[in-house]
Amino acid sequence: MTHRFDSPTVILTGAGCRREAGSLLAAMKARRTLLVADPFFASGPFTREIAAALDGAGIQHEVYSGFQPDPTEENVRAGAACFREFQADSILALGGGSGIDVAKMVGVSVANPGPLREFQGYHRVPNRGPSVVVVPTTAGTGSEATKVAVITDTERRVKMMILDPGLMPAAAIVDYELTLSMPPPLTAHVGVDTLTHGIEAFVSRRANPLTDPIALASIDRVQRYLRRAWADPEDREAREGMALAALEGGLAFTNSSVCLVHGMSRPLGLAFGLPHGLSNAVLLPAVTRFSREGAVARYAGVARAMGLASPGNGDAYASEALVDRLDALNEELEVPRLRDCCGGDRERFRSTLEKMAADALDSGSPQNNPTVPAADEIMELYDSAW
């Protein structure tokens, strides 16, 4: 079997590496850059600092921040119009997963006519867009190292998953100092999201010898550093560890795949306005419990990477210890139950189950799961997470 591994051409890590954005873009022959900045950061010191780095490299720039969490096709169209009006030749993304996804799809839009729904799914982007350099501000999504974007089609009320090698950033600048401002709840949600990436990459039916060690390294770092970063936001060692874990998680899952958690997370987030990291976090324990029997040895490997079992413990014991630990981790990090995320309206929740299950299956991600569910089983899993 042939395995393909895609990654950014350049990855910079370490405190202060954000200041190299200008010289990196200059080396790519960029002259006019659209700076896609998360609205929270658009007028803040980090954006000003990066803008100064661009100025120092002789690169003109225009800021675009007209989007929100769970960005829509309209947000991408507006960004593409800004790119064209400014006559940009490159894109620099500063933000979390939403901003990075917008930046990726702006690049796709300026190089490919037609609505974004034409690109939904796998390997459907005809033309590669301009170079995209990514500077993540959260330690969770791993989008700085993935060939994936998720954009909401408001007309169909569907979160479109778009995967294509053309979406892989040209460069990733992973400066953990940008994550020091993350509050504990966000640290918890995107941190468990990172753990989900590592686990799903490792247990996926498309896992391979190149992705396995990276997935396990990500899982190990989350085990060592997430609780520390949550308890003390100024713990620089822990923040750096989680930034690297997020990068590794992205590299792993984009070259194997995500599975059922992500398939269920997208429609749940759309239906109830939940951030992606939170919707993954609330689903991870229930989905792992359901999936465990499909790959007991693989889940046991995850447990051992987290220090939950020794090599002498059997796989059944280790995989069960993992499920117990995921429940305990969410409780320790004060991740809410699904019912608390959805306002406690069980009738409304149940009325969405059929569409959410259908949308989850349509995404293609559940088909990579160790145990592939039917629609009624997905509905039961949503219910069990309630």
Protein backbone atom coordinates (compact mmCIF):
# COMPACT_ATOMS: atom_id res chain seq x y z
CA MET A 1 0.00 0.00 0.00
CA THR A 2 1.24 3.49 -0.88
CA HIS A 3 1.24 6.16 1.84
CA ARG A 4 1.49 9.87 1.12
CA PHE A 5 2.79 12.39 3.65
CA ASP A 6 2.20 16.13 3.13
CA SER A 7 3.53 18.90 5.35
CA PRO A 8 4.44 22.58 5.15
CA THR A 9 7.72 23.20 3.34
CA VAL A 10 8.98 25.20 6.32
CA ILE A 11 8.05 24.86 10.01
CA LEU A 12 9.42 27.35 12.52
CA THR A 13 8.99 26.75 16.26
CA GLY A 14 10.13 28.50 19.40
CA ALA A 15 9.51 31.66 21.38
CA GLY A 16 9.59 34.77 19.21
CA CYS A 17 9.70 32.99 15.85
CA ARG A 18 6.65 35.04 14.80
CA ARG A 19 9.08 37.89 14.17
CA GLU A 20 10.51 35.94 11.23
CA ALA A 21 7.25 36.14 9.26
CA GLY A 22 8.50 39.01 7.12
CA SER A 23 11.81 37.43 6.16
CA LEU A 24 10.08 34.11 5.46
CA LEU A 25 7.56 35.70 3.11
CA ALA A 26 10.30 37.74 1.45
CA ALA A 27 12.19 34.51 0.76
CA MET A 28 9.03 33.28 -0.99
CA LYS A 29 9.18 36.41 -3.22
CA ALA A 30 6.03 37.85 -1.65
CA ARG A 31 5.50 41.56 -2.20
CA ARG A 32 1.85 42.18 -1.29
CA THR A 33 0.35 40.03 1.50
CA LEU A 34 -3.22 39.75 2.71
CA LEU A 35 -2.99 39.44 6.48
CA VAL A 36 -6.01 37.37 7.57
CA ALA A 37 -6.23 38.12 11.29
CA ASP A 38 -8.65 36.75 13.86
CA PRO A 39 -10.90 39.68 14.91
CA PHE A 40 -9.72 39.25 18.51
CA PHE A 41 -6.13 39.90 17.40
CA ALA A 42 -6.72 42.25 14.46
CA SER A 43 -5.90 45.44 16.34
CA GLY A 44 -3.75 43.87 19.03
CA PRO A 45 -0.01 43.90 19.68
CA PHE A 46 0.77 40.63 17.91
CA THR A 47 -0.80 41.83 14.65
CA ARG A 48 1.06 45.14 14.92
CA GLU A 49 4.27 43.25 15.60
CA ILE A 50 3.84 41.01 12.57
CA ALA A 51 2.82 44.00 10.44
CA ALA A 52 6.08 45.68 11.49
CA ALA A 53 7.99 42.55 10.47
CA LEU A 54 6.33 42.73 7.05
CA ASP A 55 7.18 46.42 6.77
CA GLY A 56 10.78 45.65 7.67
CA ALA A 57 10.94 43.12 4.85
CA GLY A 58 9.48 45.59 2.36
CA ILE A 59 6.20 43.69 2.04
CA GLN A 60 2.99 45.72 1.68
CA HIS A 61 0.01 44.30 3.51
CA GLU A 62 -3.72 44.66 4.04
CA VAL A 63 -5.62 43.25 7.04
CA TYR A 64 -8.81 41.22 6.57
CA SER A 65 -10.72 40.18 9.71
CA GLY A 66 -14.34 40.01 8.50
CA PHE A 67 -15.24 36.60 9.87
CA GLN A 68 -16.34 34.86 13.06
CA PRO A 69 -15.96 31.42 14.63
CA ASP A 70 -17.32 28.72 12.30
CA PRO A 71 -16.70 30.88 9.21
CA THR A 72 -19.06 30.82 6.27
CA GLU A 73 -18.81 30.85 2.50
CA GLU A 74 -19.73 34.56 2.63
CA ASN A 75 -16.70 35.26 4.84
CA VAL A 76 -14.44 33.55 2.31
CA ARG A 77 -15.96 35.46 -0.61
CA ALA A 78 -15.37 38.76 1.18
CA GLY A 79 -11.77 37.80 1.89
CA ALA A 80 -11.22 36.81 -1.73
CA ALA A 81 -12.61 40.18 -2.86
CA CYS A 82 -10.21 41.92 -0.49
CA PHE A 83 -7.31 39.84 -1.87
CA ARG A 84 -8.16 40.81 -5.44
CA GLU A 85 -8.75 44.48 -4.66
CA PHE A 86 -5.40 44.73 -2.89
CA GLN A 87 -3.76 42.75 -5.72
CA ALA A 88 -2.13 40.48 -3.17
CA ASP A 89 0.26 37.71 -4.12
CA SER A 90 0.34 35.82 -0.80
CA ILE A 91 -1.60 35.26 2.43
CA LEU A 92 -0.52 35.33 6.07
CA ALA A 93 -2.98 33.87 8.58
CA LEU A 94 -2.88 34.88 12.25
CA GLY A 95 -5.46 33.20 14.46
CA GLY A 96 -7.11 29.99 15.52
CA GLY A 97 -8.67 27.35 13.33
CA SER A 98 -11.38 29.65 11.96
CA GLY A 99 -8.95 32.28 10.69
CA ILE A 100 -6.63 29.68 9.24
CA ASP A 101 -9.51 27.96 7.43
CA VAL A 102 -10.64 31.30 5.98
CA ALA A 103 -7.10 32.03 4.78
CA LYS A 104 -6.78 28.63 3.12
CA MET A 105 -10.10 28.96 1.34
CA VAL A 106 -9.46 32.55 0.24
CA GLY A 107 -6.44 31.13 -1.54
CA VAL A 108 -8.59 28.42 -3.13
CA SER A 109 -11.24 30.96 -4.17
CA VAL A 110 -8.90 33.33 -5.96
CA ALA A 111 -7.45 30.44 -7.98
CA ASN A 112 -10.68 28.53 -8.70
CA PRO A 113 -14.02 29.92 -9.88
CA GLY A 114 -17.28 28.55 -8.58
CA PRO A 115 -18.95 28.11 -5.19
CA LEU A 116 -17.02 26.41 -2.40
CA ARG A 117 -19.48 23.51 -2.31
CA GLU A 118 -17.84 22.29 -5.53
CA PHE A 119 -14.71 21.56 -3.49
CA GLN A 120 -16.42 19.75 -0.60
CA GLY A 121 -14.95 16.33 0.05
CA TYR A 122 -11.63 14.87 -0.96
CA HIS A 123 -9.18 16.09 -3.63
CA ARG A 124 -11.57 18.33 -5.57
CA VAL A 125 -9.55 21.57 -5.81
CA PRO A 126 -8.27 21.92 -9.41
CA ASN A 127 -5.79 24.79 -9.06
CA ARG A 128 -3.32 25.56 -6.28
CA GLY A 129 -3.71 29.07 -4.88
CA PRO A 130 -1.13 31.58 -3.63
CA SER A 131 1.31 30.72 -0.85
CA VAL A 132 -0.25 30.72 2.63
CA VAL A 133 1.87 31.20 5.75
CA VAL A 134 0.15 30.34 9.03
CA VAL A 135 0.78 31.67 12.55
CA PRO A 136 -1.56 29.85 14.99
CA THR A 137 -2.70 31.59 18.16
CA THR A 138 -4.21 28.52 19.83
CA ALA A 139 -2.71 25.11 20.63
CA GLY A 140 -5.42 22.81 19.42
CA THR A 141 -6.59 22.65 15.83
CA GLY A 142 -3.27 21.81 14.19
CA SER A 143 -4.56 23.64 11.10
CA GLU A 144 -1.13 25.12 10.52
CA ALA A 145 -0.04 21.68 9.29
CA THR A 146 -3.15 20.28 7.61
CA LYS A 147 -4.55 20.10 4.10
CA VAL A 148 -8.07 20.54 5.48
CA ALA A 149 -10.50 23.43 5.92
CA VAL A 150 -14.03 23.48 7.31
CA ILE A 151 -16.41 26.16 6.07
CA THR A 152 -20.16 26.50 6.73
CA ASP A 153 -22.55 26.51 3.79
CA THR A 154 -25.33 28.59 5.31
CA GLU A 155 -27.80 27.81 2.53
CA ARG A 156 -27.61 24.04 3.08
CA ARG A 157 -26.76 24.35 6.80
CA VAL A 158 -23.79 22.05 6.39
CA LYS A 159 -20.23 22.32 7.65
CA MET A 160 -18.23 21.48 4.54
CA MET A 161 -15.04 19.50 5.07
CA ILE A 162 -12.63 20.23 2.21
CA LEU A 163 -9.44 18.19 1.96
CA ASP A 164 -6.85 18.67 -0.75
CA PRO A 165 -3.03 18.87 -0.83
CA GLY A 166 -3.43 22.39 -2.22
CA LEU A 167 -4.70 23.53 1.18
CA MET A 168 -1.44 22.67 2.94
CA PRO A 169 0.23 25.90 4.10
CA ALA A 170 3.57 26.72 2.54
CA ALA A 171 4.95 27.50 6.01
CA ALA A 172 3.91 27.22 9.65
CA ILE A 173 5.23 29.58 12.32
CA VAL A 174 4.45 28.00 15.71
CA ASP A 175 5.26 30.52 18.42
CA TYR A 176 3.86 29.32 21.74
CA GLU A 177 4.01 32.85 23.18
CA LEU A 178 0.89 33.64 21.16
CA THR A 179 -1.04 31.07 23.23
CA LEU A 180 -0.21 32.55 26.64
CA SER A 181 -3.40 34.63 26.59
CA MET A 182 -5.68 31.60 26.19
CA PRO A 183 -8.07 31.34 29.19
CA PRO A 184 -8.43 27.98 31.00
CA PRO A 185 -11.71 26.92 29.31
CA LEU A 186 -10.29 27.48 25.83
CA THR A 187 -7.04 25.77 26.85
CA ALA A 188 -9.07 22.75 27.96
CA HIS A 189 -11.30 22.54 24.90
CA VAL A 190 -8.60 22.92 22.25
CA GLY A 191 -6.26 20.74 24.31
CA VAL A 192 -8.71 17.84 24.30
CA ASP A 193 -9.18 18.59 20.59
CA THR A 194 -5.44 18.02 20.15
CA LEU A 195 -5.72 14.73 22.05
CA THR A 196 -8.60 13.76 19.76
CA HIS A 197 -6.41 14.40 16.71
CA GLY A 198 -3.65 12.18 18.06
CA ILE A 199 -6.02 9.37 19.03
CA GLU A 200 -8.02 9.41 15.80
CA ALA A 201 -4.88 9.56 13.65
CA PHE A 202 -3.53 6.49 15.47
CA VAL A 203 -6.69 4.35 15.43
CA SER A 204 -7.86 5.36 11.95
CA ARG A 205 -8.21 2.67 9.31
CA ARG A 206 -5.82 4.85 7.27
CA ALA A 207 -3.10 5.10 9.93
CA ASN A 208 0.32 4.30 8.54
CA PRO A 209 3.97 3.90 9.61
CA LEU A 210 4.71 7.58 8.96
CA THR A 211 1.83 8.97 11.02
CA ASP A 212 1.92 6.53 13.95
CA PRO A 213 5.00 7.91 15.76
CA ILE A 214 3.86 11.50 15.28
CA ALA A 215 0.39 10.71 16.62
CA LEU A 216 1.85 8.98 19.68
CA ALA A 217 4.25 11.89 20.29
CA SER A 218 1.29 14.29 20.26
CA ILE A 219 -0.66 12.10 22.69
CA ASP A 220 2.35 11.89 25.03
CA ARG A 221 2.78 15.67 25.08
CA VAL A 222 -0.91 16.25 25.83
CA GLN A 223 -0.69 13.85 28.75
CA ARG A 224 2.35 15.70 30.12
CA TYR A 225 1.38 19.29 29.51
CA LEU A 226 -2.36 19.92 29.12
CA ARG A 227 -3.30 19.90 32.79
CA ARG A 228 -0.31 22.12 33.60
CA ALA A 229 -1.23 24.66 30.91
CA TRP A 230 -4.84 24.66 32.12
CA ALA A 231 -3.88 25.14 35.77
CA ASP A 232 -1.24 27.82 35.11
CA PRO A 233 -1.63 29.79 31.85
CA GLU A 234 1.82 31.31 32.35
CA ASP A 235 3.59 27.93 32.46
CA ARG A 236 5.77 28.49 29.41
CA GLU A 237 7.12 24.94 29.24
CA ALA A 238 3.59 23.57 29.24
CA ARG A 239 2.42 26.11 26.64
CA GLU A 240 5.30 25.18 24.36
CA GLY A 241 4.57 21.49 24.87
CA MET A 242 0.92 21.95 23.88
CA ALA A 243 1.85 24.07 20.83
CA LEU A 244 4.11 21.26 19.63
CA ALA A 245 1.44 18.65 20.43
CA ALA A 246 -1.08 20.55 18.30
CA LEU A 247 1.41 20.75 15.42
CA GLU A 248 2.12 17.02 15.67
CA GLY A 249 -1.57 16.20 15.89
CA GLY A 250 -2.25 18.16 12.71
CA LEU A 251 0.60 16.49 10.84
CA ALA A 252 -0.63 13.08 11.94
CA PHE A 253 -4.34 13.31 11.21
CA THR A 254 -4.01 15.15 7.91
CA ASN A 255 -1.91 12.25 6.61
CA SER A 256 -4.06 9.46 8.02
CA SER A 257 -7.49 10.84 8.80
CA VAL A 258 -9.88 11.85 11.52
CA CYS A 259 -12.69 9.48 12.37
CA LEU A 260 -16.06 9.38 14.10
CA VAL A 261 -15.51 12.11 16.70
CA HIS A 262 -14.92 14.68 13.98
CA GLY A 263 -17.70 13.33 11.81
CA MET A 264 -20.16 13.85 14.67
CA SER A 265 -18.58 17.08 15.89
CA ARG A 266 -19.14 19.18 12.76
CA PRO A 267 -22.96 18.85 12.59
CA LEU A 268 -23.22 19.17 16.37
CA GLY A 269 -21.23 22.41 16.32
CA LEU A 270 -23.37 23.79 13.51
CA ALA A 271 -26.70 22.87 15.12
CA PHE A 272 -25.88 24.35 18.52
CA GLY A 273 -23.20 26.95 17.80
CA LEU A 274 -20.45 25.07 19.62
CA PRO A 275 -16.77 25.81 18.95
CA HIS A 276 -15.05 22.92 17.20
CA GLY A 277 -12.73 22.08 20.08
CA LEU A 278 -15.57 21.94 22.59
CA SER A 279 -17.79 19.75 20.40
CA ASN A 280 -14.90 17.30 19.94
CA ALA A 281 -14.13 17.30 23.66
CA VAL A 282 -17.67 16.47 24.78
CA LEU A 283 -17.91 13.59 22.29
CA LEU A 284 -14.49 11.98 22.73
CA PRO A 285 -15.21 9.70 25.74
CA ALA A 286 -18.50 8.30 24.41
CA VAL A 287 -17.15 7.72 20.90
CA THR A 288 -14.00 6.04 22.25
CA ARG A 289 -16.12 3.70 24.37
CA PHE A 290 -18.14 2.75 21.28
CA SER A 291 -15.11 2.38 18.98
CA ARG A 292 -12.80 0.50 21.35
CA GLU A 293 -13.78 -3.03 20.34
CA GLY A 294 -12.91 -2.29 16.72
CA ALA A 295 -9.21 -1.71 17.51
CA VAL A 296 -8.47 -2.86 21.05
CA ALA A 297 -4.72 -3.09 20.47
CA ARG A 298 -4.58 0.39 18.96
CA TYR A 299 -6.51 1.98 21.81
CA ALA A 300 -4.26 0.07 24.21
CA GLY A 301 -1.29 1.71 22.46
CA VAL A 302 -2.85 5.12 23.13
CA ALA A 303 -3.29 4.19 26.79
CA ARG A 304 0.35 3.15 27.09
CA ALA A 305 1.48 6.40 25.42
CA MET A 306 -0.46 8.20 28.15
CA GLY A 307 1.15 6.11 30.88
CA LEU A 308 -2.15 4.47 31.82
CA ALA A 309 -0.94 0.90 31.45
CA SER A 310 2.35 -0.97 31.33
CA PRO A 311 3.45 -3.36 28.56
CA GLY A 312 2.54 -6.19 30.92
CA ASN A 313 -1.10 -5.14 31.10
CA GLY A 314 -3.33 -6.76 28.53
CA ASP A 315 -4.83 -4.76 25.68
CA ALA A 316 -8.37 -5.07 27.04
CA TYR A 317 -7.30 -3.64 30.41
CA ALA A 318 -5.30 -0.83 28.80
CA SER A 319 -8.04 0.22 26.39
CA GLU A 320 -10.62 0.25 29.18
CA ALA A 321 -8.26 2.38 31.28
CA LEU A 322 -8.15 4.86 28.40
CA VAL A 323 -11.92 5.25 28.33
CA ASP A 324 -11.98 5.82 32.08
CA ARG A 325 -9.19 8.39 31.80
CA LEU A 326 -10.95 10.38 29.08
CA ASP A 327 -14.02 10.70 31.29
CA ALA A 328 -11.87 11.77 34.23
CA LEU A 329 -9.85 14.24 32.14
CA ASN A 330 -12.96 16.07 30.95
CA GLU A 331 -14.20 16.26 34.53
CA GLU A 332 -10.84 17.51 35.80
CA LEU A 333 -10.65 20.19 33.08
CA GLU A 334 -14.28 21.20 33.70
CA VAL A 335 -15.36 20.35 30.17
CA PRO A 336 -19.18 20.56 30.29
CA ARG A 337 -21.52 17.74 29.44
CA LEU A 338 -23.30 17.99 26.12
CA ARG A 339 -26.59 18.85 27.81
CA ASP A 340 -24.98 21.92 29.35
CA CYS A 341 -23.60 23.01 25.96
CA CYS A 342 -27.02 22.71 24.33
CA GLY A 343 -29.01 24.65 26.91
CA GLY A 344 -30.55 21.57 28.48
CA ASP A 345 -33.36 21.45 25.89
CA ARG A 346 -33.55 17.71 25.35
CA GLU A 347 -36.54 17.83 23.02
CA ARG A 348 -34.83 20.25 20.68
CA PHE A 349 -31.67 18.16 20.86
CA ARG A 350 -33.50 14.96 19.96
CA SER A 351 -35.21 16.69 17.04
CA THR A 352 -31.78 17.32 15.47
CA LEU A 353 -30.41 13.79 15.85
CA GLU A 354 -31.51 12.36 12.51
CA LYS A 355 -30.02 15.21 10.44
CA MET A 356 -26.84 15.33 12.51
CA ALA A 357 -26.33 11.58 12.06
CA ALA A 358 -26.92 11.83 8.31
CA ASP A 359 -24.53 14.78 7.98
CA ALA A 360 -21.91 12.96 10.04
CA LEU A 361 -22.01 9.96 7.69
CA ASP A 362 -22.01 12.17 4.60
CA SER A 363 -18.74 13.78 5.74
CA GLY A 364 -16.84 10.54 5.15
CA SER A 365 -14.94 10.67 8.44
CA PRO A 366 -16.90 7.92 10.26
CA GLN A 367 -15.94 5.45 7.54
CA ASN A 368 -12.32 5.68 8.78
CA ASN A 369 -13.35 4.73 12.33
CA PRO A 370 -12.26 1.38 13.80
CA THR A 371 -15.95 0.56 14.31
CA VAL A 372 -18.00 2.03 11.47
CA PRO A 373 -21.43 3.07 12.79
CA ALA A 374 -24.86 3.07 11.22
CA ALA A 375 -27.00 6.20 11.44
CA ASP A 376 -29.04 4.88 14.37
CA GLU A 377 -25.85 4.11 16.30
CA ILE A 378 -24.63 7.68 15.77
CA MET A 379 -27.95 8.96 17.12
CA GLU A 380 -27.50 6.73 20.18
CA LEU A 381 -23.96 8.06 20.67
CA TYR A 382 -25.16 11.66 20.63
CA ASP A 383 -27.75 10.65 23.19
CA SER A 384 -25.20 8.89 25.39
CA ALA A 385 -23.02 12.02 25.43
CA TRP A 386 -25.97 14.11 26.61
